[in-house]
């Protein structure tokens, strides 16, 4: 950061505040509208599905032939901590 902007912490706190309040989204939207009106944006999307492959282990299913961990029930493998707010509300 250039020194003229002051401490980086101050700039970062302003950036985060604007991000949380949606200021950056509004700035982007206005810039896109202006660029679109000037004919600088082409709204064509091309998706190449050859790069949208899932990893072989992404399904999460237990594979055939893998041993069950001895002496521990399956539920003990998972964490007991709730990881999302919606899961916490469902558990309550």
PDB file of N, CA and C in Angstrom:
ATOM      1  N   UNK A   1       0.850  -1.184   0.000  1.00  0.00           N
ATOM      2  CA  UNK A   1       0.000   0.000   0.000  1.00  0.00           C
ATOM      3  C   UNK A   1       0.892   1.243   0.000  1.00  0.00           C
ATOM      4  N   UNK A   2       0.560   2.199  -0.830  1.00  0.00           N
ATOM      5  CA  UNK A   2       1.287   3.467  -0.775  1.00  0.00           C
ATOM      6  C   UNK A   2       1.068   4.154   0.571  1.00  0.00           C
ATOM      7  N   UNK A   3       2.073   4.826   1.053  1.00  0.00           N
ATOM      8  CA  UNK A   3       1.992   5.472   2.371  1.00  0.00           C
ATOM      9  C   UNK A   3       0.900   6.526   2.434  1.00  0.00           C
ATOM     10  N   UNK A   4       0.546   7.129   1.281  1.00  0.00           N
ATOM     11  CA  UNK A   4      -0.464   8.195   1.292  1.00  0.00           C
ATOM     12  C   UNK A   4      -1.834   7.696   1.750  1.00  0.00           C
ATOM     13  N   UNK A   5      -2.060   6.363   1.738  1.00  0.00           N
ATOM     14  CA  UNK A   5      -3.334   5.797   2.177  1.00  0.00           C
ATOM     15  C   UNK A   5      -3.354   5.485   3.667  1.00  0.00           C
ATOM     16  N   UNK A   6      -2.255   5.705   4.350  1.00  0.00           N
ATOM     17  CA  UNK A   6      -2.199   5.444   5.778  1.00  0.00           C
ATOM     18  C   UNK A   6      -1.923   3.984   6.071  1.00  0.00           C
ATOM     19  N   UNK A   7      -2.136   3.570   7.316  1.00  0.00           N
ATOM     20  CA  UNK A   7      -1.861   2.176   7.700  1.00  0.00           C
ATOM     21  C   UNK A   7      -2.743   1.206   6.911  1.00  0.00           C
ATOM     22  N   UNK A   8      -2.200   0.046   6.589  1.00  0.00           N
ATOM     23  CA  UNK A   8      -2.950  -0.929   5.800  1.00  0.00           C
ATOM     24  C   UNK A   8      -4.183  -1.398   6.555  1.00  0.00           C
ATOM     25  N   UNK A   9      -4.120  -1.422   7.891  1.00  0.00           N
ATOM     26  CA  UNK A   9      -5.268  -1.881   8.675  1.00  0.00           C
ATOM     27  C   UNK A   9      -6.489  -0.986   8.455  1.00  0.00           C
ATOM     28  N   UNK A  10      -6.240   0.331   8.324  1.00  0.00           N
ATOM     29  CA  UNK A  10      -7.341   1.263   8.099  1.00  0.00           C
ATOM     30  C   UNK A  10      -7.971   1.016   6.731  1.00  0.00           C
ATOM     31  N   UNK A  11      -7.122   0.883   5.717  1.00  0.00           N
ATOM     32  CA  UNK A  11      -7.635   0.617   4.371  1.00  0.00           C
ATOM     33  C   UNK A  11      -8.399  -0.702   4.323  1.00  0.00           C
ATOM     34  N   UNK A  12      -7.873  -1.710   5.008  1.00  0.00           N
ATOM     35  CA  UNK A  12      -8.542  -3.008   5.016  1.00  0.00           C
ATOM     36  C   UNK A  12      -9.897  -2.918   5.722  1.00  0.00           C
ATOM     37  N   UNK A  13      -9.972  -2.185   6.827  1.00  0.00           N
ATOM     38  CA  UNK A  13     -11.255  -2.109   7.546  1.00  0.00           C
ATOM     39  C   UNK A  13     -12.302  -1.385   6.693  1.00  0.00           C
ATOM     40  N   UNK A  14     -11.894  -0.365   5.933  1.00  0.00           N
ATOM     41  CA  UNK A  14     -12.830   0.316   5.035  1.00  0.00           C
ATOM     42  C   UNK A  14     -13.270  -0.643   3.924  1.00  0.00           C
ATOM     43  N   UNK A  15     -12.294  -1.362   3.358  1.00  0.00           N
ATOM     44  CA  UNK A  15     -12.607  -2.337   2.315  1.00  0.00           C
ATOM     45  C   UNK A  15     -13.613  -3.366   2.810  1.00  0.00           C
ATOM     46  N   UNK A  16     -13.400  -3.949   3.992  1.00  0.00           N
ATOM     47  CA  UNK A  16     -14.307  -4.974   4.540  1.00  0.00           C
ATOM     48  C   UNK A  16     -15.695  -4.399   4.817  1.00  0.00           C
ATOM     49  N   UNK A  17     -15.733  -3.175   5.355  1.00  0.00           N
ATOM     50  CA  UNK A  17     -17.026  -2.543   5.630  1.00  0.00           C
ATOM     51  C   UNK A  17     -17.819  -2.367   4.344  1.00  0.00           C
ATOM     52  N   UNK A  18     -17.149  -1.894   3.295  1.00  0.00           N
ATOM     53  CA  UNK A  18     -17.807  -1.714   2.009  1.00  0.00           C
ATOM     54  C   UNK A  18     -18.232  -3.055   1.432  1.00  0.00           C
ATOM     55  N   UNK A  19     -17.410  -4.072   1.633  1.00  0.00           N
ATOM     56  CA  UNK A  19     -17.744  -5.399   1.121  1.00  0.00           C
ATOM     57  C   UNK A  19     -18.982  -5.949   1.831  1.00  0.00           C
ATOM     58  N   UNK A  20     -19.018  -5.824   3.141  1.00  0.00           N
ATOM     59  CA  UNK A  20     -20.141  -6.347   3.936  1.00  0.00           C
ATOM     60  C   UNK A  20     -21.439  -5.609   3.605  1.00  0.00           C
ATOM     61  N   UNK A  21     -21.358  -4.299   3.396  1.00  0.00           N
ATOM     62  CA  UNK A  21     -22.551  -3.496   3.134  1.00  0.00           C
ATOM     63  C   UNK A  21     -22.979  -3.513   1.669  1.00  0.00           C
ATOM     64  N   UNK A  22     -22.209  -4.180   0.814  1.00  0.00           N
ATOM     65  CA  UNK A  22     -22.597  -4.322  -0.575  1.00  0.00           C
ATOM     66  C   UNK A  22     -22.154  -3.181  -1.482  1.00  0.00           C
ATOM     67  N   UNK A  23     -21.286  -2.305  -0.988  1.00  0.00           N
ATOM     68  CA  UNK A  23     -20.825  -1.169  -1.793  1.00  0.00           C
ATOM     69  C   UNK A  23     -20.079  -1.648  -3.028  1.00  0.00           C
ATOM     70  N   UNK A  24     -19.202  -2.625  -2.875  1.00  0.00           N
ATOM     71  CA  UNK A  24     -18.426  -3.128  -4.015  1.00  0.00           C
ATOM     72  C   UNK A  24     -19.330  -3.764  -5.060  1.00  0.00           C
ATOM     73  N   UNK A  25     -20.368  -4.453  -4.633  1.00  0.00           N
ATOM     74  CA  UNK A  25     -21.305  -5.071  -5.580  1.00  0.00           C
ATOM     75  C   UNK A  25     -22.035  -3.990  -6.380  1.00  0.00           C
ATOM     76  N   UNK A  26     -22.424  -2.881  -5.708  1.00  0.00           N
ATOM     77  CA  UNK A  26     -23.098  -1.789  -6.403  1.00  0.00           C
ATOM     78  C   UNK A  26     -22.155  -1.087  -7.380  1.00  0.00           C
ATOM     79  N   UNK A  27     -20.885  -0.901  -6.971  1.00  0.00           N
ATOM     80  CA  UNK A  27     -19.901  -0.286  -7.866  1.00  0.00           C
ATOM     81  C   UNK A  27     -19.720  -1.157  -9.106  1.00  0.00           C
ATOM     82  N   UNK A  28     -19.570  -2.473  -8.904  1.00  0.00           N
ATOM     83  CA  UNK A  28     -19.407  -3.384 -10.042  1.00  0.00           C
ATOM     84  C   UNK A  28     -20.624  -3.337 -10.952  1.00  0.00           C
ATOM     85  N   UNK A  29     -21.815  -3.340 -10.367  1.00  0.00           N
ATOM     86  CA  UNK A  29     -23.038  -3.308 -11.174  1.00  0.00           C
ATOM     87  C   UNK A  29     -23.111  -2.042 -12.015  1.00  0.00           C
ATOM     88  N   UNK A  30     -22.802  -0.892 -11.416  1.00  0.00           N
ATOM     89  CA  UNK A  30     -22.849   0.376 -12.155  1.00  0.00           C
ATOM     90  C   UNK A  30     -21.798   0.405 -13.265  1.00  0.00           C
ATOM     91  N   UNK A  31     -20.603  -0.122 -12.996  1.00  0.00           N
ATOM     92  CA  UNK A  31     -19.563  -0.177 -14.028  1.00  0.00           C
ATOM     93  C   UNK A  31     -19.975  -1.099 -15.175  1.00  0.00           C
ATOM     94  N   UNK A  32     -20.612  -2.222 -14.845  1.00  0.00           N
ATOM     95  CA  UNK A  32     -21.069  -3.143 -15.883  1.00  0.00           C
ATOM     96  C   UNK A  32     -22.168  -2.516 -16.737  1.00  0.00           C
ATOM     97  N   UNK A  33     -23.100  -1.808 -16.109  1.00  0.00           N
ATOM     98  CA  UNK A  33     -24.172  -1.143 -16.857  1.00  0.00           C
ATOM     99  C   UNK A  33     -23.577  -0.109 -17.806  1.00  0.00           C
ATOM    100  N   UNK A  34     -22.618   0.669 -17.301  1.00  0.00           N
ATOM    101  CA  UNK A  34     -21.978   1.706 -18.123  1.00  0.00           C
ATOM    102  C   UNK A  34     -21.200   1.077 -19.281  1.00  0.00           C
ATOM    103  N   UNK A  35     -20.431   0.020 -19.006  1.00  0.00           N
ATOM    104  CA  UNK A  35     -19.655  -0.650 -20.050  1.00  0.00           C
ATOM    105  C   UNK A  35     -20.573  -1.332 -21.060  1.00  0.00           C
ATOM    106  N   UNK A  36     -21.697  -1.899 -20.595  1.00  0.00           N
ATOM    107  CA  UNK A  36     -22.648  -2.558 -21.496  1.00  0.00           C
ATOM    108  C   UNK A  36     -23.305  -1.536 -22.420  1.00  0.00           C
ATOM    109  N   UNK A  37     -23.657  -0.386 -21.853  1.00  0.00           N
ATOM    110  CA  UNK A  37     -24.291   0.663 -22.661  1.00  0.00           C
ATOM    111  C   UNK A  37     -23.334   1.183 -23.732  1.00  0.00           C
ATOM    112  N   UNK A  38     -22.038   1.167 -23.427  1.00  0.00           N
ATOM    113  CA  UNK A  38     -21.036   1.632 -24.386  1.00  0.00           C
ATOM    114  C   UNK A  38     -20.650   0.532 -25.371  1.00  0.00           C
ATOM    115  N   UNK A  39     -21.193  -0.678 -25.184  1.00  0.00           N
ATOM    116  CA  UNK A  39     -20.913  -1.785 -26.087  1.00  0.00           C
ATOM    117  C   UNK A  39     -19.584  -2.475 -25.839  1.00  0.00           C
ATOM    118  N   UNK A  40     -19.040  -2.336 -24.629  1.00  0.00           N
ATOM    119  CA  UNK A  40     -17.745  -2.940 -24.294  1.00  0.00           C
ATOM    120  C   UNK A  40     -17.858  -4.354 -23.726  1.00  0.00           C
ATOM    121  N   UNK A  41     -19.073  -4.818 -23.462  1.00  0.00           N
ATOM    122  CA  UNK A  41     -19.258  -6.143 -22.870  1.00  0.00           C
ATOM    123  C   UNK A  41     -20.062  -7.016 -23.818  1.00  0.00           C
ATOM    124  N   UNK A  42     -19.584  -8.232 -24.041  1.00  0.00           N
ATOM    125  CA  UNK A  42     -20.340  -9.231 -24.776  1.00  0.00           C
ATOM    126  C   UNK A  42     -20.804 -10.273 -23.769  1.00  0.00           C
ATOM    127  N   UNK A  43     -22.104 -10.506 -23.669  1.00  0.00           N
ATOM    128  CA  UNK A  43     -22.666 -11.391 -22.654  1.00  0.00           C
ATOM    129  C   UNK A  43     -22.826 -12.815 -23.178  1.00  0.00           C
ATOM    130  N   UNK A  44     -21.782 -13.360 -23.763  1.00  0.00           N
ATOM    131  CA  UNK A  44     -21.803 -14.741 -24.228  1.00  0.00           C
ATOM    132  C   UNK A  44     -20.970 -15.586 -23.280  1.00  0.00           C
ATOM    133  N   UNK A  45     -21.497 -16.755 -22.941  1.00  0.00           N
ATOM    134  CA  UNK A  45     -20.802 -17.652 -22.032  1.00  0.00           C
ATOM    135  C   UNK A  45     -20.552 -18.964 -22.748  1.00  0.00           C
ATOM    136  N   UNK A  46     -19.340 -19.459 -22.628  1.00  0.00           N
ATOM    137  CA  UNK A  46     -18.992 -20.742 -23.214  1.00  0.00           C
ATOM    138  C   UNK A  46     -18.408 -21.621 -22.113  1.00  0.00           C
ATOM    139  N   UNK A  47     -18.997 -22.781 -21.920  1.00  0.00           N
ATOM    140  CA  UNK A  47     -18.548 -23.686 -20.874  1.00  0.00           C
ATOM    141  C   UNK A  47     -18.003 -24.946 -21.520  1.00  0.00           C
ATOM    142  N   UNK A  48     -16.792 -25.300 -21.155  1.00  0.00           N
ATOM    143  CA  UNK A  48     -16.168 -26.514 -21.652  1.00  0.00           C
ATOM    144  C   UNK A  48     -16.260 -27.550 -20.538  1.00  0.00           C
ATOM    145  N   UNK A  49     -17.129 -28.536 -20.684  1.00  0.00           N
ATOM    146  CA  UNK A  49     -17.372 -29.499 -19.612  1.00  0.00           C
ATOM    147  C   UNK A  49     -16.222 -30.471 -19.382  1.00  0.00           C
ATOM    148  N   UNK A  50     -15.232 -30.473 -20.243  1.00  0.00           N
ATOM    149  CA  UNK A  50     -14.112 -31.402 -20.033  1.00  0.00           C
ATOM    150  C   UNK A  50     -13.306 -31.026 -18.801  1.00  0.00           C
ATOM    151  N   UNK A  51     -13.421 -29.781 -18.325  1.00  0.00           N
ATOM    152  CA  UNK A  51     -12.679 -29.375 -17.142  1.00  0.00           C
ATOM    153  C   UNK A  51     -13.533 -29.429 -15.881  1.00  0.00           C
ATOM    154  N   UNK A  52     -14.786 -29.888 -15.999  1.00  0.00           N
ATOM    155  CA  UNK A  52     -15.708 -29.947 -14.868  1.00  0.00           C
ATOM    156  C   UNK A  52     -15.846 -31.373 -14.345  1.00  0.00           C
ATOM    157  N   UNK A  53     -14.724 -32.012 -14.124  1.00  0.00           N
ATOM    158  CA  UNK A  53     -14.765 -33.398 -13.650  1.00  0.00           C
ATOM    159  C   UNK A  53     -14.608 -33.442 -12.135  1.00  0.00           C
ATOM    160  N   UNK A  54     -15.252 -34.382 -11.514  1.00  0.00           N
ATOM    161  CA  UNK A  54     -15.129 -34.577 -10.072  1.00  0.00           C
ATOM    162  C   UNK A  54     -13.986 -35.536  -9.796  1.00  0.00           C
ATOM    163  N   UNK A  55     -13.372 -35.356  -8.643  1.00  0.00           N
ATOM    164  CA  UNK A  55     -12.311 -36.265  -8.226  1.00  0.00           C
ATOM    165  C   UNK A  55     -12.911 -37.639  -7.957  1.00  0.00           C
ATOM    166  N   UNK A  56     -12.134 -38.672  -8.134  1.00  0.00           N
ATOM    167  CA  UNK A  56     -12.646 -40.031  -7.991  1.00  0.00           C
ATOM    168  C   UNK A  56     -13.184 -40.314  -6.589  1.00  0.00           C
ATOM    169  N   UNK A  57     -12.708 -39.607  -5.576  1.00  0.00           N
ATOM    170  CA  UNK A  57     -13.178 -39.845  -4.208  1.00  0.00           C
ATOM    171  C   UNK A  57     -14.235 -38.830  -3.769  1.00  0.00           C
ATOM    172  N   UNK A  58     -14.718 -38.001  -4.669  1.00  0.00           N
ATOM    173  CA  UNK A  58     -15.623 -36.926  -4.282  1.00  0.00           C
ATOM    174  C   UNK A  58     -17.008 -37.397  -3.859  1.00  0.00           C
ATOM    175  N   UNK A  59     -17.435 -38.578  -4.236  1.00  0.00           N
ATOM    176  CA  UNK A  59     -18.776 -39.054  -3.896  1.00  0.00           C
ATOM    177  C   UNK A  59     -18.919 -39.338  -2.406  1.00  0.00           C
ATOM    178  N   UNK A  60     -17.842 -39.703  -1.741  1.00  0.00           N
ATOM    179  CA  UNK A  60     -17.874 -39.913  -0.301  1.00  0.00           C
ATOM    180  C   UNK A  60     -18.387 -41.261   0.141  1.00  0.00           C
ATOM    181  N   UNK A  61     -18.769 -42.125  -0.771  1.00  0.00           N
ATOM    182  CA  UNK A  61     -19.260 -43.446  -0.393  1.00  0.00           C
ATOM    183  C   UNK A  61     -18.093 -44.335   0.058  1.00  0.00           C
ATOM    184  N   UNK A  62     -18.392 -45.215   0.985  1.00  0.00           N
ATOM    185  CA  UNK A  62     -17.370 -46.149   1.447  1.00  0.00           C
ATOM    186  C   UNK A  62     -17.082 -47.144   0.328  1.00  0.00           C
ATOM    187  N   UNK A  63     -15.828 -47.338   0.049  1.00  0.00           N
ATOM    188  CA  UNK A  63     -15.439 -48.222  -1.041  1.00  0.00           C
ATOM    189  C   UNK A  63     -15.456 -49.677  -0.582  1.00  0.00           C
ATOM    190  N   UNK A  64     -15.783 -50.565  -1.485  1.00  0.00           N
ATOM    191  CA  UNK A  64     -15.830 -51.982  -1.201  1.00  0.00           C
ATOM    192  C   UNK A  64     -14.441 -52.495  -0.833  1.00  0.00           C
ATOM    193  N   UNK A  65     -14.350 -53.316   0.177  1.00  0.00           N
ATOM    194  CA  UNK A  65     -13.086 -53.928   0.541  1.00  0.00           C
ATOM    195  C   UNK A  65     -12.283 -53.141   1.564  1.00  0.00           C
ATOM    196  N   UNK A  66     -12.703 -51.923   1.909  1.00  0.00           N
ATOM    197  CA  UNK A  66     -11.976 -51.163   2.921  1.00  0.00           C
ATOM    198  C   UNK A  66     -12.412 -51.648   4.295  1.00  0.00           C
ATOM    199  N   UNK A  67     -11.473 -51.902   5.169  1.00  0.00           N
ATOM    200  CA  UNK A  67     -11.833 -52.414   6.494  1.00  0.00           C
ATOM    201  C   UNK A  67     -12.463 -51.339   7.367  1.00  0.00           C
ATOM    202  N   UNK A  68     -13.377 -51.761   8.249  1.00  0.00           N
ATOM    203  CA  UNK A  68     -13.966 -50.873   9.236  1.00  0.00           C
ATOM    204  C   UNK A  68     -12.938 -50.732  10.340  1.00  0.00           C
ATOM    205  N   UNK A  69     -12.775 -49.535  10.861  1.00  0.00           N
ATOM    206  CA  UNK A  69     -11.782 -49.319  11.917  1.00  0.00           C
ATOM    207  C   UNK A  69     -12.143 -50.142  13.144  1.00  0.00           C
ATOM    208  N   UNK A  70     -11.232 -50.971  13.559  1.00  0.00           N
ATOM    209  CA  UNK A  70     -11.484 -51.908  14.652  1.00  0.00           C
ATOM    210  C   UNK A  70     -11.661 -51.179  15.978  1.00  0.00           C
ATOM    211  N   UNK A  71     -12.640 -51.629  16.760  1.00  0.00           N
ATOM    212  CA  UNK A  71     -12.840 -51.153  18.118  1.00  0.00           C
ATOM    213  C   UNK A  71     -13.553 -49.820  18.230  1.00  0.00           C
ATOM    214  N   UNK A  72     -13.926 -49.194  17.130  1.00  0.00           N
ATOM    215  CA  UNK A  72     -14.605 -47.907  17.206  1.00  0.00           C
ATOM    216  C   UNK A  72     -15.878 -47.950  16.371  1.00  0.00           C
ATOM    217  N   UNK A  73     -17.000 -47.549  16.958  1.00  0.00           N
ATOM    218  CA  UNK A  73     -18.230 -47.502  16.169  1.00  0.00           C
ATOM    219  C   UNK A  73     -18.125 -46.429  15.085  1.00  0.00           C
ATOM    220  N   UNK A  74     -18.884 -46.577  14.013  1.00  0.00           N
ATOM    221  CA  UNK A  74     -18.821 -45.646  12.883  1.00  0.00           C
ATOM    222  C   UNK A  74     -19.095 -44.207  13.290  1.00  0.00           C
ATOM    223  N   UNK A  75     -20.012 -43.990  14.236  1.00  0.00           N
ATOM    224  CA  UNK A  75     -20.341 -42.622  14.621  1.00  0.00           C
ATOM    225  C   UNK A  75     -19.167 -41.937  15.297  1.00  0.00           C
ATOM    226  N   UNK A  76     -18.233 -42.685  15.864  1.00  0.00           N
ATOM    227  CA  UNK A  76     -17.073 -42.086  16.530  1.00  0.00           C
ATOM    228  C   UNK A  76     -16.096 -41.499  15.526  1.00  0.00           C
ATOM    229  N   UNK A  77     -16.219 -41.861  14.282  1.00  0.00           N
ATOM    230  CA  UNK A  77     -15.316 -41.311  13.264  1.00  0.00           C
ATOM    231  C   UNK A  77     -15.621 -39.850  12.987  1.00  0.00           C
ATOM    232  N   UNK A  78     -16.870 -39.483  13.133  1.00  0.00           N
ATOM    233  CA  UNK A  78     -17.275 -38.116  12.841  1.00  0.00           C
ATOM    234  C   UNK A  78     -17.001 -37.222  14.047  1.00  0.00           C
ATOM    235  N   UNK A  79     -16.878 -35.922  13.786  1.00  0.00           N
ATOM    236  CA  UNK A  79     -16.696 -34.988  14.892  1.00  0.00           C
ATOM    237  C   UNK A  79     -18.028 -34.793  15.587  1.00  0.00           C
ATOM    238  N   UNK A  80     -17.987 -34.476  16.850  1.00  0.00           N
ATOM    239  CA  UNK A  80     -19.211 -34.230  17.590  1.00  0.00           C
ATOM    240  C   UNK A  80     -19.589 -32.754  17.528  1.00  0.00           C
ATOM    241  N   UNK A  81     -18.714 -31.925  16.957  1.00  0.00           N
ATOM    242  CA  UNK A  81     -18.948 -30.499  16.889  1.00  0.00           C
ATOM    243  C   UNK A  81     -19.849 -30.177  15.701  1.00  0.00           C
ATOM    244  N   UNK A  82     -20.831 -29.312  15.893  1.00  0.00           N
ATOM    245  CA  UNK A  82     -21.703 -28.872  14.824  1.00  0.00           C
ATOM    246  C   UNK A  82     -20.932 -27.893  13.953  1.00  0.00           C
ATOM    247  N   UNK A  83     -20.985 -28.061  12.639  1.00  0.00           N
ATOM    248  CA  UNK A  83     -20.153 -27.237  11.760  1.00  0.00           C
ATOM    249  C   UNK A  83     -20.888 -26.100  11.078  1.00  0.00           C
ATOM    250  N   UNK A  84     -22.193 -26.112  11.053  1.00  0.00           N
ATOM    251  CA  UNK A  84     -22.928 -25.039  10.415  1.00  0.00           C
ATOM    252  C   UNK A  84     -24.021 -24.534  11.337  1.00  0.00           C
ATOM    253  N   UNK A  85     -24.432 -23.285  11.106  1.00  0.00           N
ATOM    254  CA  UNK A  85     -25.492 -22.694  11.930  1.00  0.00           C
ATOM    255  C   UNK A  85     -26.819 -23.423  11.714  1.00  0.00           C
ATOM    256  N   UNK A  86     -27.090 -23.818  10.459  1.00  0.00           N
ATOM    257  CA  UNK A  86     -28.349 -24.517  10.197  1.00  0.00           C
ATOM    258  C   UNK A  86     -28.376 -25.878  10.875  1.00  0.00           C
ATOM    259  N   UNK A  87     -27.215 -26.559  10.928  1.00  0.00           N
ATOM    260  CA  UNK A  87     -27.146 -27.851  11.609  1.00  0.00           C
ATOM    261  C   UNK A  87     -27.327 -27.656  13.114  1.00  0.00           C
ATOM    262  N   UNK A  88     -26.825 -26.559  13.648  1.00  0.00           N
ATOM    263  CA  UNK A  88     -26.996 -26.286  15.081  1.00  0.00           C
ATOM    264  C   UNK A  88     -28.461 -26.060  15.413  1.00  0.00           C
ATOM    265  N   UNK A  89     -29.167 -25.319  14.546  1.00  0.00           N
ATOM    266  CA  UNK A  89     -30.598 -25.089  14.787  1.00  0.00           C
ATOM    267  C   UNK A  89     -31.379 -26.388  14.681  1.00  0.00           C
ATOM    268  N   UNK A  90     -31.028 -27.251  13.737  1.00  0.00           N
ATOM    269  CA  UNK A  90     -31.716 -28.532  13.554  1.00  0.00           C
ATOM    270  C   UNK A  90     -31.478 -29.444  14.745  1.00  0.00           C
ATOM    271  N   UNK A  91     -30.273 -29.372  15.328  1.00  0.00           N
ATOM    272  CA  UNK A  91     -29.939 -30.246  16.447  1.00  0.00           C
ATOM    273  C   UNK A  91     -30.605 -29.779  17.729  1.00  0.00           C
ATOM    274  N   UNK A  92     -30.958 -28.508  17.814  1.00  0.00           N
ATOM    275  CA  UNK A  92     -31.537 -27.947  19.057  1.00  0.00           C
ATOM    276  C   UNK A  92     -32.981 -28.287  19.223  1.00  0.00           C
TER     277      UNK A  92
END
